[in-house]
Protein backbone atom coordinates (compact mmCIF):
# COMPACT_ATOMS: atom_id res chain seq x y z
CA UNK A 1 -3.47 38.09 -23.49
CA UNK A 2 -6.14 38.61 -22.09
CA UNK A 3 -9.62 38.75 -24.13
CA UNK A 4 -13.37 39.10 -23.63
CA UNK A 5 -13.17 34.80 -23.86
CA UNK A 6 -12.01 35.26 -20.43
CA UNK A 7 -15.03 36.94 -19.53
CA UNK A 8 -18.09 35.20 -19.13
CA UNK A 9 -20.53 36.04 -21.79
CA UNK A 10 -23.49 37.75 -19.39
CA UNK A 11 -20.28 40.78 -18.67
CA UNK A 12 -19.40 41.05 -21.96
CA UNK A 13 -22.42 42.08 -22.75
CA UNK A 14 -23.17 44.15 -19.79
CA UNK A 15 -19.93 46.20 -20.96
CA UNK A 16 -20.81 46.73 -24.18
CA UNK A 17 -23.60 48.51 -23.09
CA UNK A 18 -21.73 50.34 -20.42
CA UNK A 19 -18.92 51.30 -23.29
CA UNK A 20 -21.18 52.33 -25.71
CA UNK A 21 -23.25 54.59 -22.75
CA UNK A 22 -20.02 56.27 -21.61
CA UNK A 23 -18.27 57.05 -25.62
CA UNK A 24 -21.97 59.01 -26.47
CA UNK A 25 -22.29 60.72 -23.16
CA UNK A 26 -19.41 60.90 -21.86
CA UNK A 27 -18.48 61.77 -18.02
CA UNK A 28 -17.70 65.19 -17.76
CA UNK A 29 -13.63 65.88 -18.07
CA UNK A 30 -13.64 61.86 -18.91
CA UNK A 31 -12.51 60.47 -22.07
CA UNK A 32 -12.92 56.61 -22.55
CA UNK A 33 -10.63 54.21 -24.99
CA UNK A 34 -12.48 51.78 -25.84
CA UNK A 35 -10.89 47.99 -27.88
CA UNK A 36 -13.95 46.32 -28.50
CA UNK A 37 -11.79 43.04 -28.71
CA UNK A 38 -10.83 43.37 -24.69
CA UNK A 39 -13.26 44.82 -22.16
CA UNK A 40 -10.65 43.11 -19.44
CA UNK A 41 -8.30 46.15 -19.81
CA UNK A 42 -10.05 49.33 -19.74
CA UNK A 43 -8.19 53.28 -20.61
CA UNK A 44 -10.03 56.49 -19.84
CA UNK A 45 -7.84 59.96 -20.26
CA UNK A 46 -8.97 62.33 -17.29
CA UNK A 47 -8.24 66.06 -16.74
CA UNK A 48 -7.71 67.38 -14.03
CA UNK A 49 -10.02 69.60 -12.22
CA UNK A 50 -10.12 73.18 -12.56
CA UNK A 51 -9.09 74.99 -9.03
CA UNK A 52 -6.56 72.12 -8.34
CA UNK A 53 -2.94 70.80 -9.22
CA UNK A 54 -3.83 69.23 -11.80
CA UNK A 55 -5.75 71.67 -13.60
CA UNK A 56 -4.79 71.86 -17.31
CA UNK A 57 -3.37 68.63 -17.02
CA UNK A 58 -4.13 65.08 -18.77
CA UNK A 59 -3.53 61.75 -16.88
CA UNK A 60 -3.95 58.15 -18.37
CA UNK A 61 -5.48 55.54 -16.29
CA UNK A 62 -7.02 52.25 -16.72
CA UNK A 63 -9.11 49.54 -15.02
CA UNK A 64 -8.11 46.34 -15.13
CA UNK A 65 -11.40 43.73 -14.69
CA UNK A 66 -10.76 40.42 -13.67
CA UNK A 67 -13.01 36.89 -14.64
CA UNK A 68 -15.31 37.64 -11.86
CA UNK A 69 -16.00 41.28 -12.65
CA UNK A 70 -18.10 42.70 -10.91
CA UNK A 71 -18.09 40.56 -7.73
CA UNK A 72 -14.18 41.58 -7.42
CA UNK A 73 -13.62 45.38 -7.61
CA UNK A 74 -11.16 46.51 -10.92
CA UNK A 75 -7.88 47.53 -10.25
CA UNK A 76 -7.08 51.46 -10.93
CA UNK A 77 -3.84 52.00 -12.12
CA UNK A 78 -2.52 55.56 -12.94
CA UNK A 79 -0.09 55.24 -16.67
CA UNK A 80 0.30 59.09 -16.27
CA UNK A 81 2.75 60.12 -13.83
CA UNK A 82 1.23 62.12 -10.40
CA UNK A 83 1.78 63.59 -7.47
CA UNK A 84 -0.61 62.27 -5.37
CA UNK A 85 -1.57 61.36 -1.62
CA UNK A 86 -3.77 58.68 -2.79
CA UNK A 87 -1.67 57.22 -5.59
CA UNK A 88 1.45 55.34 -5.24
CA UNK A 89 4.99 56.03 -7.01
CA UNK A 90 3.61 53.19 -9.35
CA UNK A 91 0.76 54.19 -10.09
CA UNK A 92 -2.01 52.16 -7.67
CA UNK A 93 -4.73 54.00 -6.82
CA UNK A 94 -6.30 53.53 -3.64
CA UNK A 95 -9.61 54.64 -2.92
CA UNK A 96 -12.16 52.87 -0.63
CA UNK A 97 -14.75 52.02 -3.70
CA UNK A 98 -12.32 49.68 -5.42
CA UNK A 99 -11.29 48.18 -1.93
CA UNK A 100 -14.10 47.56 0.96
CA UNK A 101 -16.88 49.66 -0.58
CA UNK A 102 -17.27 48.60 -3.71
CA UNK A 103 -20.08 46.93 -4.89
CA UNK A 104 -21.12 44.89 -8.06
CA UNK A 105 -24.12 46.95 -8.56
CA UNK A 106 -21.98 50.03 -9.31
CA UNK A 107 -20.41 50.64 -12.90
CA UNK A 108 -17.84 52.00 -14.30
CA UNK A 109 -18.86 55.55 -14.81
CA UNK A 110 -19.01 55.46 -11.06
CA UNK A 111 -15.69 54.30 -10.59
CA UNK A 112 -14.24 56.54 -12.94
CA UNK A 113 -16.06 59.65 -11.31
CA UNK A 114 -14.59 58.50 -8.12
CA UNK A 115 -11.55 58.39 -9.16
CA UNK A 116 -11.48 61.92 -10.96
CA UNK A 117 -12.96 63.26 -7.32
CA UNK A 118 -10.30 61.87 -5.96
CA UNK A 119 -8.02 64.72 -8.07
CA UNK A 120 -10.41 67.43 -6.19
CA UNK A 121 -10.39 65.73 -2.75
CA UNK A 122 -7.18 63.65 -1.63
CA UNK A 123 -7.06 61.30 1.32
CA UNK A 124 -4.06 61.92 2.69
CA UNK A 125 -5.25 59.74 5.67
CA UNK A 126 -4.78 56.60 4.02
CA UNK A 127 -2.30 57.58 1.62
CA UNK A 128 0.10 55.02 -1.14
CA UNK A 129 2.22 57.74 -1.05
CA UNK A 130 3.19 59.38 2.12
CA UNK A 131 5.57 61.84 1.26
CA UNK A 132 2.47 63.47 -1.13
CA UNK A 133 0.25 62.70 1.65
CA UNK A 134 2.54 64.05 5.09
CA UNK A 135 3.48 66.96 2.77
CA UNK A 136 -0.73 68.14 1.58
CA UNK A 137 -1.22 67.62 5.94
CA UNK A 138 1.84 69.75 7.28
CA UNK A 139 2.18 72.20 4.17
CA UNK A 140 -0.72 73.08 1.48
CA UNK A 141 1.37 75.21 -0.38
CA UNK A 142 4.47 72.75 -0.65
CA UNK A 143 2.12 69.86 -1.35
CA UNK A 144 0.50 71.99 -4.92
CA UNK A 145 4.06 72.44 -5.92
CA UNK A 146 4.74 69.41 -6.35
CA UNK A 147 1.69 68.17 -8.06
CA UNK A 148 1.33 71.07 -10.10
CA UNK A 149 5.11 70.55 -11.38
CA UNK A 150 4.80 66.36 -12.00
CA UNK A 151 1.52 67.99 -14.30
CA UNK A 152 3.89 70.51 -15.76
CA UNK A 153 5.75 67.79 -16.48
CA UNK A 154 4.57 64.65 -17.03
CA UNK A 155 0.37 65.52 -18.25
CA UNK A 156 0.55 69.30 -19.64
CA UNK A 157 -2.14 69.96 -22.11
CA UNK A 158 -0.83 70.11 -26.14
CA UNK A 159 -0.39 73.59 -26.80
CA UNK A 160 -3.45 75.64 -28.73
CA UNK A 161 -2.50 75.32 -32.51
CA UNK A 162 -3.52 78.77 -33.76
CA UNK A 163 -0.41 80.00 -32.15
CA UNK A 164 1.56 77.85 -33.09
CA UNK A 165 0.33 78.32 -36.80
CA UNK A 166 0.88 82.39 -35.95
CA UNK A 167 4.55 81.65 -35.50
CA UNK A 168 4.90 79.60 -38.74
CA UNK A 169 3.14 82.23 -40.71
CA UNK A 170 5.44 84.76 -38.99
CA UNK A 171 8.41 82.77 -40.04
CA UNK A 172 7.32 81.41 -43.48
CA UNK A 173 7.35 85.92 -44.35
CA UNK A 174 10.23 86.47 -42.88
CA UNK A 175 12.49 83.94 -44.37
CA UNK A 176 12.61 84.56 -47.61
CA UNK A 177 13.92 81.94 -50.49
CA UNK A 178 17.25 83.10 -51.44
CA UNK A 179 16.96 80.73 -54.40
CA UNK A 180 13.91 82.77 -55.87
CA UNK A 181 15.25 86.17 -55.05
CA UNK A 182 18.41 85.35 -57.38
CA UNK A 183 16.12 84.33 -59.60
CA UNK A 184 13.69 87.46 -60.08
CA UNK A 185 17.35 89.92 -60.04
CA UNK A 186 16.31 91.26 -63.85
CA UNK A 187 12.30 91.71 -63.06
CA UNK A 188 12.09 94.64 -60.46
CA UNK A 189 10.04 93.21 -57.30
CA UNK A 190 9.24 95.24 -53.39
CA UNK A 191 10.46 92.36 -51.20
CA UNK A 192 7.20 90.26 -49.16
CA UNK A 193 4.87 92.87 -46.67
CA UNK A 194 5.55 91.76 -43.38
CA UNK A 195 2.43 92.14 -41.83
CA UNK A 196 2.84 94.67 -38.60
CA UNK A 197 0.02 92.44 -36.96
CA UNK A 198 0.59 89.47 -37.45
CA UNK A 199 4.46 89.61 -36.40
CA UNK A 200 3.45 91.60 -33.32
CA UNK A 201 0.99 89.10 -32.30
CA UNK A 202 3.65 85.70 -33.13
CA UNK A 203 6.36 87.62 -30.92
CA UNK A 204 4.72 89.99 -28.29
CA UNK A 205 5.78 93.01 -29.21
CA UNK A 206 5.31 96.45 -30.84
CA UNK A 207 7.32 96.55 -33.73
CA UNK A 208 7.25 100.11 -34.36
CA UNK A 209 9.05 100.41 -30.67
CA UNK A 210 11.87 97.90 -32.04
CA UNK A 211 15.45 98.75 -33.46
CA UNK A 212 16.21 96.22 -35.45
CA UNK A 213 19.88 95.43 -36.67
CA UNK A 214 19.49 96.18 -40.48
CA UNK A 215 22.02 93.88 -42.03
CA UNK A 216 21.03 94.05 -46.31
CA UNK A 217 23.45 97.00 -46.51
CA UNK A 218 21.19 98.82 -49.33
CA UNK A 219 18.60 99.51 -46.15
CA UNK A 220 21.72 99.83 -44.04
CA UNK A 221 22.65 102.37 -46.01
CA UNK A 222 19.02 104.06 -46.43
CA UNK A 223 19.02 103.73 -43.07
CA UNK A 224 22.18 105.54 -42.16
CA UNK A 225 21.12 108.48 -44.19
CA UNK A 226 17.96 109.03 -43.13
CA UNK A 227 19.71 108.70 -39.23
CA UNK A 228 22.93 110.85 -40.02
CA UNK A 229 22.30 113.12 -42.90
CA UNK A 230 24.17 113.40 -46.17
CA UNK A 231 27.21 113.36 -44.61
CA UNK A 232 26.75 109.77 -43.74
CA UNK A 233 27.18 108.76 -47.95
CA UNK A 234 30.92 110.33 -47.66
CA UNK A 235 32.59 107.70 -45.64
CA UNK A 236 34.55 105.78 -47.70
CA UNK A 237 32.97 102.28 -49.22
CA UNK A 238 34.82 99.24 -51.07
CA UNK A 239 33.95 99.32 -54.44
CA UNK A 240 32.20 95.68 -54.92
CA UNK A 241 30.09 97.13 -51.88
CA UNK A 242 29.11 99.84 -53.90
CA UNK A 243 27.78 97.84 -56.91
CA UNK A 244 26.08 94.99 -54.62
CA UNK A 245 23.97 98.34 -53.05
CA UNK A 246 23.29 99.61 -56.35
CA UNK A 247 21.81 96.24 -57.53
CA UNK A 248 20.13 96.26 -54.40
CA UNK A 249 18.88 99.71 -55.20
CA UNK A 250 17.75 98.34 -58.54
CA UNK A 251 15.06 96.31 -56.77
CA UNK A 252 13.45 98.43 -54.43
């Protein structure tokens, strides 16, 4: 397993300094994951730039540093699947900065920014993914559709927790514990009230405009009397059902 021992001491010191700087002042849209015991493999999460097919996605990549770094460039790979002309299906990144244009004076920050810029402006002429490169040149809309599809499947950011909380809150309010209802049968109480605004936000509808099916016998009877008038109460009812309704009405 590769460790810091595979790098010269002066390179380790330089990397430690640069990684600390990246941690304290990260580049826009890039989060570097640091392992103090191994600087030969550096992970980073890159946010898809706004206005691109990769928007709302988070893509994990890694840089592999050889023993003679920085005299030789690091090798870059995307670990998150992505549809991009300059990124092979294996994840390998093709960009001149990591090849013929490499300069030992370039730092990790520069490399990471170049990779993120690649998501903004691909170079189909030097494509590793020929399908993506050809599609980008001939039909951008089709290329963008494929890229968005990959982003939605493999790189989509987690949903906002606050929305999940609103749904959970409404679900808890609506699902009353049957055992607690049975234990309080002899104590008159009102059923738990569900906030109209909370439920409306959770389900995206105006509850006042809905006509839900009522399963509670007592509530059903009351609704029938209200809708059809006194004649609705004359419909023959089984004695056991009538007793159940009386008990439900007492609780109300």
